[in-house]
Amino acid sequence: MAQADPKQATSLFEFEAETLTGDTSELADYAGKVVLVVNTASKCGFTPQFEGLQKLYSELSDQGFTVLGFPSGQFRQEHDDAEKIGAACTRNYGVDFPMFAKTDVNGSGAHPVFTWLKAQQPGRIGALLGGRAGSAEIKWNFTKFLVGRDGSVIARYAPATKPEAIRDDIQRALAKEN
C-alpha cells in the first residue's frame, strides 16, 4: 500500500507509518477499532501521561480500542535514538501499545498522518482563525486525536488533557457501530 495523500484521504486507515522498530505498518490494520493518536515525548512535563494512556489501552483494548504513539522531537523533548525512546516508554511506564518512529508533526516535513489529522480537526485556535495556514499546528507534545471505527476524526484534545478525562468519549465511540 502506498502512502495516502493527506489532501485526498478520507480515513486514518489509508496511511502507513514506520514503527519504532523500523517496520512499515499499514494503519488499515486498525480499521474497525477506535484509535487515540498521540504525539509523544519521553522527556516532557507531560510524559507521565504515558501511564494514563497505557491504562486506557490495557482496560479498553479488548473492546476494540488502541493507542498509537508517535514520538516527536520537534519540541526538543525526545531522544534521538529509537532504542532509547522505546526503553524510556517501557521501563518507566510499561507501554505496550503500538509506538511509531520519531516523526515531525508540523511543517513541510510533517508525517502525512499528522497533516491529515490537523486538517480534519484544526483545534480550537485553528477553528477560531478559520483554518488559516499554521493555525492548526500542534502546539506541544501529547496532543491527542480520537478516531472512530470508520477512520474519521471525532475530536482533538490539548496536551494538558489527561487521558482519563477522555475515557467517556472513547467509550461513546466504542459503543457506536461502524
N, C-alpha and C. Protein backbone atom coordinates (compact mmCIF):
# COMPACT_ATOMS: atom_id res chain seq x y z
N MET A 1 0.86 -1.18 0.00
CA MET A 1 0.00 0.00 0.00
C MET A 1 0.90 1.24 0.00
N ALA A 2 0.63 2.16 -0.88
CA ALA A 2 1.39 3.40 -0.95
C ALA A 2 0.83 4.39 0.07
N GLN A 3 1.69 5.33 0.48
CA GLN A 3 1.28 6.35 1.44
C GLN A 3 0.15 7.19 0.83
N ALA A 4 -0.90 7.41 1.58
CA ALA A 4 -2.04 8.20 1.11
C ALA A 4 -1.67 9.68 1.04
N ASP A 5 -2.33 10.39 0.14
CA ASP A 5 -2.19 11.83 0.03
C ASP A 5 -3.09 12.46 1.08
N PRO A 6 -2.52 13.24 2.02
CA PRO A 6 -3.34 13.83 3.09
C PRO A 6 -4.47 14.72 2.57
N LYS A 7 -4.32 15.26 1.36
CA LYS A 7 -5.36 16.13 0.81
C LYS A 7 -6.52 15.32 0.22
N GLN A 8 -6.27 14.06 -0.07
CA GLN A 8 -7.29 13.21 -0.70
C GLN A 8 -7.87 12.17 0.25
N ALA A 9 -7.16 11.84 1.30
CA ALA A 9 -7.57 10.75 2.20
C ALA A 9 -8.86 11.10 2.94
N THR A 10 -9.64 10.07 3.21
CA THR A 10 -10.89 10.24 3.96
C THR A 10 -10.87 9.46 5.27
N SER A 11 -9.77 8.73 5.52
CA SER A 11 -9.71 7.88 6.70
C SER A 11 -8.26 7.74 7.18
N LEU A 12 -8.10 7.65 8.48
CA LEU A 12 -6.78 7.37 9.06
C LEU A 12 -6.23 6.07 8.51
N PHE A 13 -7.12 5.16 8.19
CA PHE A 13 -6.71 3.82 7.80
C PHE A 13 -6.15 3.74 6.38
N GLU A 14 -6.03 4.88 5.70
CA GLU A 14 -5.42 4.92 4.37
C GLU A 14 -3.91 5.15 4.44
N PHE A 15 -3.38 5.39 5.63
CA PHE A 15 -1.97 5.74 5.78
C PHE A 15 -1.13 4.56 6.24
N GLU A 16 0.16 4.75 6.16
CA GLU A 16 1.12 3.80 6.73
C GLU A 16 2.15 4.61 7.50
N ALA A 17 2.83 3.94 8.40
CA ALA A 17 3.85 4.61 9.22
C ALA A 17 4.91 3.59 9.62
N GLU A 18 6.10 4.10 9.83
CA GLU A 18 7.20 3.25 10.28
C GLU A 18 7.11 3.08 11.79
N THR A 19 7.26 1.84 12.24
CA THR A 19 7.21 1.57 13.68
C THR A 19 8.54 1.94 14.33
N LEU A 20 8.55 1.92 15.63
CA LEU A 20 9.76 2.23 16.39
C LEU A 20 10.88 1.23 16.08
N THR A 21 10.50 0.04 15.65
CA THR A 21 11.49 -0.99 15.32
C THR A 21 11.89 -0.97 13.85
N GLY A 22 11.35 -0.02 13.07
CA GLY A 22 11.75 0.14 11.68
C GLY A 22 10.90 -0.58 10.66
N ASP A 23 9.86 -1.27 11.09
CA ASP A 23 8.96 -1.95 10.16
C ASP A 23 7.91 -0.96 9.65
N THR A 24 7.35 -1.24 8.49
CA THR A 24 6.25 -0.43 7.97
C THR A 24 4.94 -1.03 8.44
N SER A 25 4.09 -0.19 8.99
CA SER A 25 2.79 -0.63 9.48
C SER A 25 1.70 0.07 8.68
N GLU A 26 0.80 -0.70 8.13
CA GLU A 26 -0.36 -0.12 7.46
C GLU A 26 -1.42 0.15 8.52
N LEU A 27 -1.85 1.39 8.59
CA LEU A 27 -2.84 1.74 9.61
C LEU A 27 -4.19 1.10 9.31
N ALA A 28 -4.35 0.54 8.12
CA ALA A 28 -5.55 -0.24 7.80
C ALA A 28 -5.69 -1.42 8.75
N ASP A 29 -4.58 -1.84 9.35
CA ASP A 29 -4.63 -2.93 10.33
C ASP A 29 -5.48 -2.57 11.54
N TYR A 30 -5.73 -1.27 11.75
CA TYR A 30 -6.51 -0.81 12.90
C TYR A 30 -7.96 -0.48 12.51
N ALA A 31 -8.32 -0.72 11.26
CA ALA A 31 -9.69 -0.44 10.81
C ALA A 31 -10.67 -1.22 11.68
N GLY A 32 -11.75 -0.55 12.05
CA GLY A 32 -12.76 -1.16 12.91
C GLY A 32 -12.50 -0.93 14.39
N LYS A 33 -11.36 -0.33 14.71
CA LYS A 33 -11.04 -0.01 16.11
C LYS A 33 -11.21 1.49 16.34
N VAL A 34 -11.41 1.86 17.58
CA VAL A 34 -11.35 3.25 17.99
C VAL A 34 -9.90 3.50 18.35
N VAL A 35 -9.33 4.57 17.80
CA VAL A 35 -7.90 4.83 17.91
C VAL A 35 -7.66 6.20 18.54
N LEU A 36 -6.71 6.25 19.46
CA LEU A 36 -6.25 7.52 20.00
C LEU A 36 -4.83 7.72 19.50
N VAL A 37 -4.64 8.70 18.61
CA VAL A 37 -3.32 9.01 18.06
C VAL A 37 -2.73 10.13 18.92
N VAL A 38 -1.50 9.92 19.39
CA VAL A 38 -0.87 10.88 20.31
C VAL A 38 0.55 11.15 19.85
N ASN A 39 0.93 12.44 19.77
CA ASN A 39 2.34 12.75 19.55
C ASN A 39 3.00 12.78 20.93
N THR A 40 4.00 11.95 21.10
CA THR A 40 4.58 11.74 22.43
C THR A 40 6.01 12.27 22.52
N ALA A 41 6.50 12.32 23.74
CA ALA A 41 7.90 12.68 24.01
C ALA A 41 8.26 12.09 25.37
N SER A 42 9.46 11.57 25.48
CA SER A 42 9.84 10.89 26.72
C SER A 42 10.59 11.79 27.70
N LYS A 43 10.78 13.07 27.34
CA LYS A 43 11.48 13.99 28.25
C LYS A 43 10.69 15.29 28.41
N CYS A 44 9.38 15.16 28.59
CA CYS A 44 8.47 16.30 28.63
C CYS A 44 7.73 16.33 29.96
N GLY A 45 7.27 17.48 30.36
CA GLY A 45 6.48 17.58 31.58
C GLY A 45 5.19 16.77 31.52
N PHE A 46 4.71 16.49 30.30
CA PHE A 46 3.50 15.68 30.13
C PHE A 46 3.80 14.19 29.96
N THR A 47 5.07 13.81 29.98
CA THR A 47 5.46 12.41 29.78
C THR A 47 4.74 11.45 30.73
N PRO A 48 4.44 11.83 31.99
CA PRO A 48 3.69 10.91 32.85
C PRO A 48 2.32 10.52 32.28
N GLN A 49 1.83 11.22 31.25
CA GLN A 49 0.58 10.81 30.62
C GLN A 49 0.68 9.42 29.99
N PHE A 50 1.91 8.95 29.74
CA PHE A 50 2.07 7.58 29.24
C PHE A 50 1.36 6.60 30.16
N GLU A 51 1.41 6.86 31.45
CA GLU A 51 0.77 5.96 32.43
C GLU A 51 -0.74 5.88 32.17
N GLY A 52 -1.37 7.04 31.99
CA GLY A 52 -2.81 7.07 31.72
C GLY A 52 -3.16 6.48 30.37
N LEU A 53 -2.32 6.73 29.37
CA LEU A 53 -2.55 6.15 28.04
C LEU A 53 -2.47 4.63 28.11
N GLN A 54 -1.46 4.12 28.82
CA GLN A 54 -1.31 2.68 28.96
C GLN A 54 -2.50 2.07 29.71
N LYS A 55 -2.98 2.78 30.72
CA LYS A 55 -4.13 2.28 31.48
C LYS A 55 -5.36 2.17 30.59
N LEU A 56 -5.62 3.21 29.78
CA LEU A 56 -6.75 3.16 28.85
C LEU A 56 -6.59 1.98 27.89
N TYR A 57 -5.39 1.83 27.35
CA TYR A 57 -5.13 0.75 26.41
C TYR A 57 -5.36 -0.61 27.06
N SER A 58 -4.82 -0.79 28.25
CA SER A 58 -4.95 -2.07 28.95
C SER A 58 -6.40 -2.40 29.27
N GLU A 59 -7.16 -1.39 29.67
CA GLU A 59 -8.54 -1.62 30.10
C GLU A 59 -9.55 -1.70 28.96
N LEU A 60 -9.24 -1.07 27.82
CA LEU A 60 -10.24 -0.98 26.75
C LEU A 60 -9.85 -1.69 25.45
N SER A 61 -8.64 -2.22 25.37
CA SER A 61 -8.21 -2.83 24.11
C SER A 61 -9.07 -4.03 23.72
N ASP A 62 -9.57 -4.76 24.69
CA ASP A 62 -10.40 -5.92 24.38
C ASP A 62 -11.78 -5.52 23.83
N GLN A 63 -12.10 -4.22 23.91
CA GLN A 63 -13.37 -3.71 23.36
C GLN A 63 -13.17 -3.10 21.97
N GLY A 64 -11.93 -3.12 21.47
CA GLY A 64 -11.67 -2.56 20.15
C GLY A 64 -11.04 -1.18 20.18
N PHE A 65 -10.26 -0.90 21.20
CA PHE A 65 -9.59 0.40 21.34
C PHE A 65 -8.08 0.21 21.29
N THR A 66 -7.40 1.17 20.68
CA THR A 66 -5.94 1.16 20.73
C THR A 66 -5.40 2.59 20.80
N VAL A 67 -4.19 2.70 21.28
CA VAL A 67 -3.44 3.95 21.30
C VAL A 67 -2.31 3.79 20.30
N LEU A 68 -2.06 4.81 19.49
CA LEU A 68 -0.91 4.82 18.59
C LEU A 68 -0.04 6.00 18.99
N GLY A 69 1.16 5.71 19.46
CA GLY A 69 2.08 6.75 19.91
C GLY A 69 3.09 7.10 18.83
N PHE A 70 3.20 8.39 18.54
CA PHE A 70 4.14 8.89 17.55
C PHE A 70 5.11 9.85 18.23
N PRO A 71 6.30 9.40 18.60
CA PRO A 71 7.27 10.29 19.22
C PRO A 71 7.66 11.42 18.26
N SER A 72 7.84 12.60 18.81
CA SER A 72 8.28 13.73 18.01
C SER A 72 9.34 14.52 18.77
N GLY A 73 10.35 14.93 18.05
CA GLY A 73 11.40 15.75 18.65
C GLY A 73 11.26 17.22 18.31
N GLN A 74 10.15 17.60 17.70
CA GLN A 74 10.00 18.99 17.27
C GLN A 74 9.95 19.98 18.43
N PHE A 75 9.66 19.49 19.61
CA PHE A 75 9.63 20.38 20.77
C PHE A 75 10.85 20.14 21.66
N ARG A 76 11.84 19.45 21.10
CA ARG A 76 13.15 19.20 21.71
C ARG A 76 13.07 18.46 23.05
N GLN A 77 12.13 17.50 23.11
CA GLN A 77 11.98 16.76 24.36
C GLN A 77 11.89 15.25 24.12
N GLU A 78 12.59 14.80 23.07
CA GLU A 78 12.60 13.38 22.75
C GLU A 78 14.02 12.93 22.44
N HIS A 79 14.32 11.70 22.79
CA HIS A 79 15.61 11.10 22.46
C HIS A 79 15.76 11.03 20.95
N ASP A 80 17.01 11.01 20.48
CA ASP A 80 17.27 10.85 19.05
C ASP A 80 17.20 9.40 18.62
N ASP A 81 17.48 8.50 19.53
CA ASP A 81 17.62 7.09 19.23
C ASP A 81 16.33 6.32 19.53
N ALA A 82 15.86 5.54 18.55
CA ALA A 82 14.62 4.77 18.71
C ALA A 82 14.70 3.80 19.89
N GLU A 83 15.86 3.21 20.09
CA GLU A 83 16.02 2.26 21.20
C GLU A 83 15.83 2.96 22.55
N LYS A 84 16.36 4.17 22.67
CA LYS A 84 16.20 4.93 23.92
C LYS A 84 14.75 5.34 24.13
N ILE A 85 14.08 5.70 23.04
CA ILE A 85 12.66 6.07 23.13
C ILE A 85 11.86 4.89 23.65
N GLY A 86 12.05 3.74 23.01
CA GLY A 86 11.32 2.54 23.40
C GLY A 86 11.61 2.14 24.83
N ALA A 87 12.88 2.20 25.22
CA ALA A 87 13.26 1.82 26.58
C ALA A 87 12.63 2.74 27.61
N ALA A 88 12.60 4.04 27.33
CA ALA A 88 12.00 5.00 28.27
C ALA A 88 10.51 4.72 28.45
N CYS A 89 9.84 4.39 27.37
CA CYS A 89 8.39 4.13 27.43
C CYS A 89 8.08 2.84 28.18
N THR A 90 8.82 1.79 27.88
CA THR A 90 8.51 0.50 28.52
C THR A 90 9.03 0.44 29.95
N ARG A 91 10.23 0.91 30.16
CA ARG A 91 10.83 0.84 31.50
C ARG A 91 10.08 1.73 32.50
N ASN A 92 9.79 2.95 32.12
CA ASN A 92 9.19 3.90 33.05
C ASN A 92 7.67 3.81 33.16
N TYR A 93 7.00 3.36 32.08
CA TYR A 93 5.53 3.41 32.08
C TYR A 93 4.88 2.10 31.64
N GLY A 94 5.66 1.10 31.33
CA GLY A 94 5.10 -0.19 30.93
C GLY A 94 4.33 -0.16 29.62
N VAL A 95 4.67 0.78 28.75
CA VAL A 95 3.94 0.94 27.49
C VAL A 95 4.07 -0.31 26.63
N ASP A 96 2.93 -0.84 26.21
CA ASP A 96 2.95 -1.92 25.24
C ASP A 96 1.96 -1.68 24.09
N PHE A 97 1.44 -0.44 24.00
CA PHE A 97 0.64 -0.10 22.83
C PHE A 97 1.59 0.25 21.68
N PRO A 98 1.10 0.23 20.44
CA PRO A 98 1.98 0.48 19.30
C PRO A 98 2.65 1.85 19.34
N MET A 99 3.95 1.84 19.14
CA MET A 99 4.74 3.07 19.07
C MET A 99 5.39 3.13 17.69
N PHE A 100 5.42 4.32 17.14
CA PHE A 100 5.95 4.52 15.80
C PHE A 100 7.26 5.28 15.85
N ALA A 101 7.91 5.36 14.70
CA ALA A 101 9.21 6.04 14.60
C ALA A 101 9.05 7.52 14.90
N LYS A 102 10.12 8.10 15.41
CA LYS A 102 10.16 9.54 15.68
C LYS A 102 9.85 10.29 14.38
N THR A 103 8.95 11.25 14.47
CA THR A 103 8.48 11.93 13.28
C THR A 103 8.19 13.40 13.56
N ASP A 104 8.13 14.18 12.51
CA ASP A 104 7.70 15.57 12.64
C ASP A 104 6.17 15.61 12.59
N VAL A 105 5.60 16.52 13.35
CA VAL A 105 4.14 16.67 13.37
C VAL A 105 3.69 18.00 12.76
N ASN A 106 4.63 18.90 12.53
CA ASN A 106 4.34 20.21 11.95
C ASN A 106 5.32 20.50 10.82
N GLY A 107 4.96 21.47 10.00
CA GLY A 107 5.86 21.93 8.95
C GLY A 107 5.84 21.07 7.70
N SER A 108 6.72 21.42 6.77
CA SER A 108 6.74 20.74 5.47
C SER A 108 7.16 19.28 5.58
N GLY A 109 7.87 18.93 6.65
CA GLY A 109 8.29 17.54 6.85
C GLY A 109 7.37 16.74 7.73
N ALA A 110 6.21 17.28 8.05
CA ALA A 110 5.27 16.57 8.93
C ALA A 110 4.85 15.25 8.30
N HIS A 111 4.70 14.24 9.13
CA HIS A 111 4.22 12.95 8.64
C HIS A 111 2.82 13.15 8.07
N PRO A 112 2.50 12.50 6.94
CA PRO A 112 1.17 12.65 6.34
C PRO A 112 0.01 12.37 7.30
N VAL A 113 0.20 11.47 8.25
CA VAL A 113 -0.86 11.21 9.24
C VAL A 113 -1.21 12.50 9.98
N PHE A 114 -0.19 13.25 10.40
CA PHE A 114 -0.46 14.47 11.17
C PHE A 114 -0.96 15.60 10.29
N THR A 115 -0.49 15.66 9.05
CA THR A 115 -1.03 16.65 8.12
C THR A 115 -2.53 16.43 7.97
N TRP A 116 -2.92 15.17 7.82
CA TRP A 116 -4.34 14.83 7.65
C TRP A 116 -5.13 15.08 8.94
N LEU A 117 -4.62 14.61 10.07
CA LEU A 117 -5.33 14.80 11.35
C LEU A 117 -5.60 16.28 11.62
N LYS A 118 -4.59 17.12 11.41
CA LYS A 118 -4.74 18.56 11.67
C LYS A 118 -5.76 19.20 10.74
N ALA A 119 -5.83 18.71 9.49
CA ALA A 119 -6.83 19.24 8.55
C ALA A 119 -8.24 18.84 8.98
N GLN A 120 -8.37 17.65 9.54
CA GLN A 120 -9.68 17.17 9.98
C GLN A 120 -10.15 17.86 11.26
N GLN A 121 -9.22 18.11 12.16
CA GLN A 121 -9.54 18.75 13.45
C GLN A 121 -8.47 19.81 13.74
N PRO A 122 -8.70 21.04 13.29
CA PRO A 122 -7.67 22.07 13.48
C PRO A 122 -7.51 22.56 14.91
N GLY A 123 -8.35 22.10 15.81
CA GLY A 123 -8.26 22.54 17.20
C GLY A 123 -9.00 23.85 17.40
N ARG A 124 -9.12 24.25 18.66
CA ARG A 124 -9.90 25.46 18.97
C ARG A 124 -9.28 26.70 18.34
N ILE A 125 -7.98 26.85 18.45
CA ILE A 125 -7.33 28.04 17.89
C ILE A 125 -7.47 28.03 16.38
N GLY A 126 -7.22 26.87 15.77
CA GLY A 126 -7.35 26.76 14.32
C GLY A 126 -8.76 27.08 13.85
N ALA A 127 -9.75 26.60 14.57
CA ALA A 127 -11.14 26.86 14.20
C ALA A 127 -11.46 28.35 14.35
N LEU A 128 -10.97 28.97 15.41
CA LEU A 128 -11.22 30.39 15.62
C LEU A 128 -10.58 31.24 14.53
N LEU A 129 -9.45 30.77 14.00
CA LEU A 129 -8.75 31.53 12.96
C LEU A 129 -9.18 31.11 11.56
N GLY A 130 -10.23 30.35 11.48
CA GLY A 130 -10.76 29.96 10.18
C GLY A 130 -9.86 29.02 9.40
N GLY A 131 -9.03 28.28 10.10
CA GLY A 131 -8.16 27.32 9.43
C GLY A 131 -7.02 27.94 8.66
N ARG A 132 -6.66 29.18 8.96
CA ARG A 132 -5.54 29.83 8.27
C ARG A 132 -4.27 29.01 8.42
N ALA A 133 -3.37 29.17 7.48
CA ALA A 133 -2.11 28.42 7.49
C ALA A 133 -1.41 28.54 8.83
N GLY A 134 -1.03 27.42 9.37
CA GLY A 134 -0.31 27.39 10.64
C GLY A 134 -1.20 27.37 11.86
N SER A 135 -2.47 27.73 11.70
CA SER A 135 -3.33 27.83 12.87
C SER A 135 -3.71 26.47 13.44
N ALA A 136 -3.62 25.42 12.65
CA ALA A 136 -3.97 24.08 13.12
C ALA A 136 -2.76 23.34 13.67
N GLU A 137 -1.60 23.98 13.65
CA GLU A 137 -0.37 23.31 14.07
C GLU A 137 -0.49 22.73 15.47
N ILE A 138 0.20 21.65 15.69
CA ILE A 138 0.26 21.04 17.01
C ILE A 138 1.15 21.93 17.86
N LYS A 139 0.62 22.33 19.01
CA LYS A 139 1.32 23.31 19.84
C LYS A 139 2.34 22.69 20.79
N TRP A 140 2.16 21.41 21.14
CA TRP A 140 3.07 20.78 22.11
C TRP A 140 2.90 19.27 22.07
N ASN A 141 3.76 18.59 22.79
CA ASN A 141 3.68 17.14 22.92
C ASN A 141 2.37 16.73 23.60
N PHE A 142 1.92 15.54 23.28
CA PHE A 142 0.74 14.90 23.86
C PHE A 142 -0.58 15.54 23.41
N THR A 143 -0.57 16.12 22.20
CA THR A 143 -1.84 16.45 21.55
C THR A 143 -2.43 15.11 21.13
N LYS A 144 -3.74 14.98 21.30
CA LYS A 144 -4.40 13.69 21.07
C LYS A 144 -5.54 13.84 20.07
N PHE A 145 -5.68 12.84 19.20
CA PHE A 145 -6.76 12.79 18.23
C PHE A 145 -7.52 11.49 18.42
N LEU A 146 -8.82 11.58 18.67
CA LEU A 146 -9.66 10.39 18.80
C LEU A 146 -10.28 10.10 17.44
N VAL A 147 -10.09 8.87 16.98
CA VAL A 147 -10.54 8.45 15.66
C VAL A 147 -11.53 7.30 15.82
N GLY A 148 -12.65 7.40 15.11
CA GLY A 148 -13.69 6.37 15.20
C GLY A 148 -13.35 5.12 14.42
N ARG A 149 -14.21 4.13 14.58
CA ARG A 149 -14.01 2.83 13.92
C ARG A 149 -13.94 2.95 12.40
N ASP A 150 -14.55 4.00 11.84
CA ASP A 150 -14.55 4.20 10.39
C ASP A 150 -13.33 4.99 9.92
N GLY A 151 -12.47 5.40 10.84
CA GLY A 151 -11.26 6.13 10.46
C GLY A 151 -11.40 7.63 10.44
N SER A 152 -12.58 8.15 10.77
CA SER A 152 -12.78 9.60 10.79
C SER A 152 -12.43 10.16 12.16
N VAL A 153 -11.96 11.41 12.17
CA VAL A 153 -11.56 12.05 13.42
C VAL A 153 -12.79 12.53 14.17
N ILE A 154 -12.88 12.13 15.42
CA ILE A 154 -14.00 12.51 16.28
C ILE A 154 -13.68 13.78 17.05
N ALA A 155 -12.47 13.86 17.59
CA ALA A 155 -12.12 15.00 18.44
C ALA A 155 -10.61 15.16 18.53
N ARG A 156 -10.21 16.37 18.89
CA ARG A 156 -8.81 16.70 19.16
C ARG A 156 -8.74 17.23 20.58
N TYR A 157 -7.70 16.81 21.31
CA TYR A 157 -7.55 17.20 22.71
C TYR A 157 -6.19 17.88 22.91
N ALA A 158 -6.20 18.90 23.74
CA ALA A 158 -4.99 19.65 24.04
C ALA A 158 -4.00 18.79 24.84
N PRO A 159 -2.72 19.15 24.80
CA PRO A 159 -1.71 18.40 25.54
C PRO A 159 -2.00 18.24 27.03
N ALA A 160 -2.58 19.24 27.64
CA ALA A 160 -2.84 19.18 29.09
C ALA A 160 -4.02 18.28 29.44
N THR A 161 -4.81 17.87 28.44
CA THR A 161 -5.94 16.99 28.71
C THR A 161 -5.42 15.61 29.08
N LYS A 162 -5.72 15.19 30.29
CA LYS A 162 -5.23 13.89 30.76
C LYS A 162 -6.02 12.77 30.09
N PRO A 163 -5.36 11.65 29.82
CA PRO A 163 -6.05 10.54 29.17
C PRO A 163 -7.34 10.12 29.86
N GLU A 164 -7.34 10.08 31.19
CA GLU A 164 -8.54 9.65 31.90
C GLU A 164 -9.72 10.60 31.68
N ALA A 165 -9.44 11.85 31.31
CA ALA A 165 -10.50 12.83 31.08
C ALA A 165 -11.26 12.56 29.78
N ILE A 166 -10.71 11.74 28.91
CA ILE A 166 -11.40 11.45 27.65
C ILE A 166 -11.95 10.02 27.59
N ARG A 167 -11.89 9.33 28.70
CA ARG A 167 -12.40 7.95 28.75
C ARG A 167 -13.86 7.88 28.29
N ASP A 168 -14.71 8.80 28.74
CA ASP A 168 -16.12 8.77 28.36
C ASP A 168 -16.29 8.92 26.85
N ASP A 169 -15.49 9.80 26.23
CA ASP A 169 -15.56 9.98 24.77
C ASP A 169 -15.14 8.69 24.07
N ILE A 170 -14.11 8.04 24.58
CA ILE A 170 -13.65 6.78 24.00
C ILE A 170 -14.75 5.72 24.12
N GLN A 171 -15.37 5.64 25.28
CA GLN A 171 -16.41 4.63 25.48
C GLN A 171 -17.64 4.90 24.60
N ARG A 172 -17.97 6.18 24.39
CA ARG A 172 -19.07 6.50 23.47
C ARG A 172 -18.72 6.05 22.05
N ALA A 173 -17.48 6.29 21.65
CA ALA A 173 -17.04 5.87 20.31
C ALA A 173 -17.05 4.35 20.18
N LEU A 174 -16.65 3.67 21.24
CA LEU A 174 -16.67 2.20 21.21
C LEU A 174 -18.09 1.65 21.10
N ALA A 175 -19.05 2.37 21.67
CA ALA A 175 -20.44 1.91 21.65
C ALA A 175 -21.10 2.07 20.28
N LYS A 176 -20.52 2.94 19.43
CA LYS A 176 -21.09 3.17 18.10
C LYS A 176 -20.71 2.04 17.16
N GLU A 177 -21.66 1.68 16.33
CA GLU A 177 -21.38 0.70 15.27
C GLU A 177 -20.75 1.44 14.11
N ASN A 178 -19.98 0.74 13.33
CA ASN A 178 -19.31 1.32 12.17
C ASN A 178 -20.30 1.69 11.09
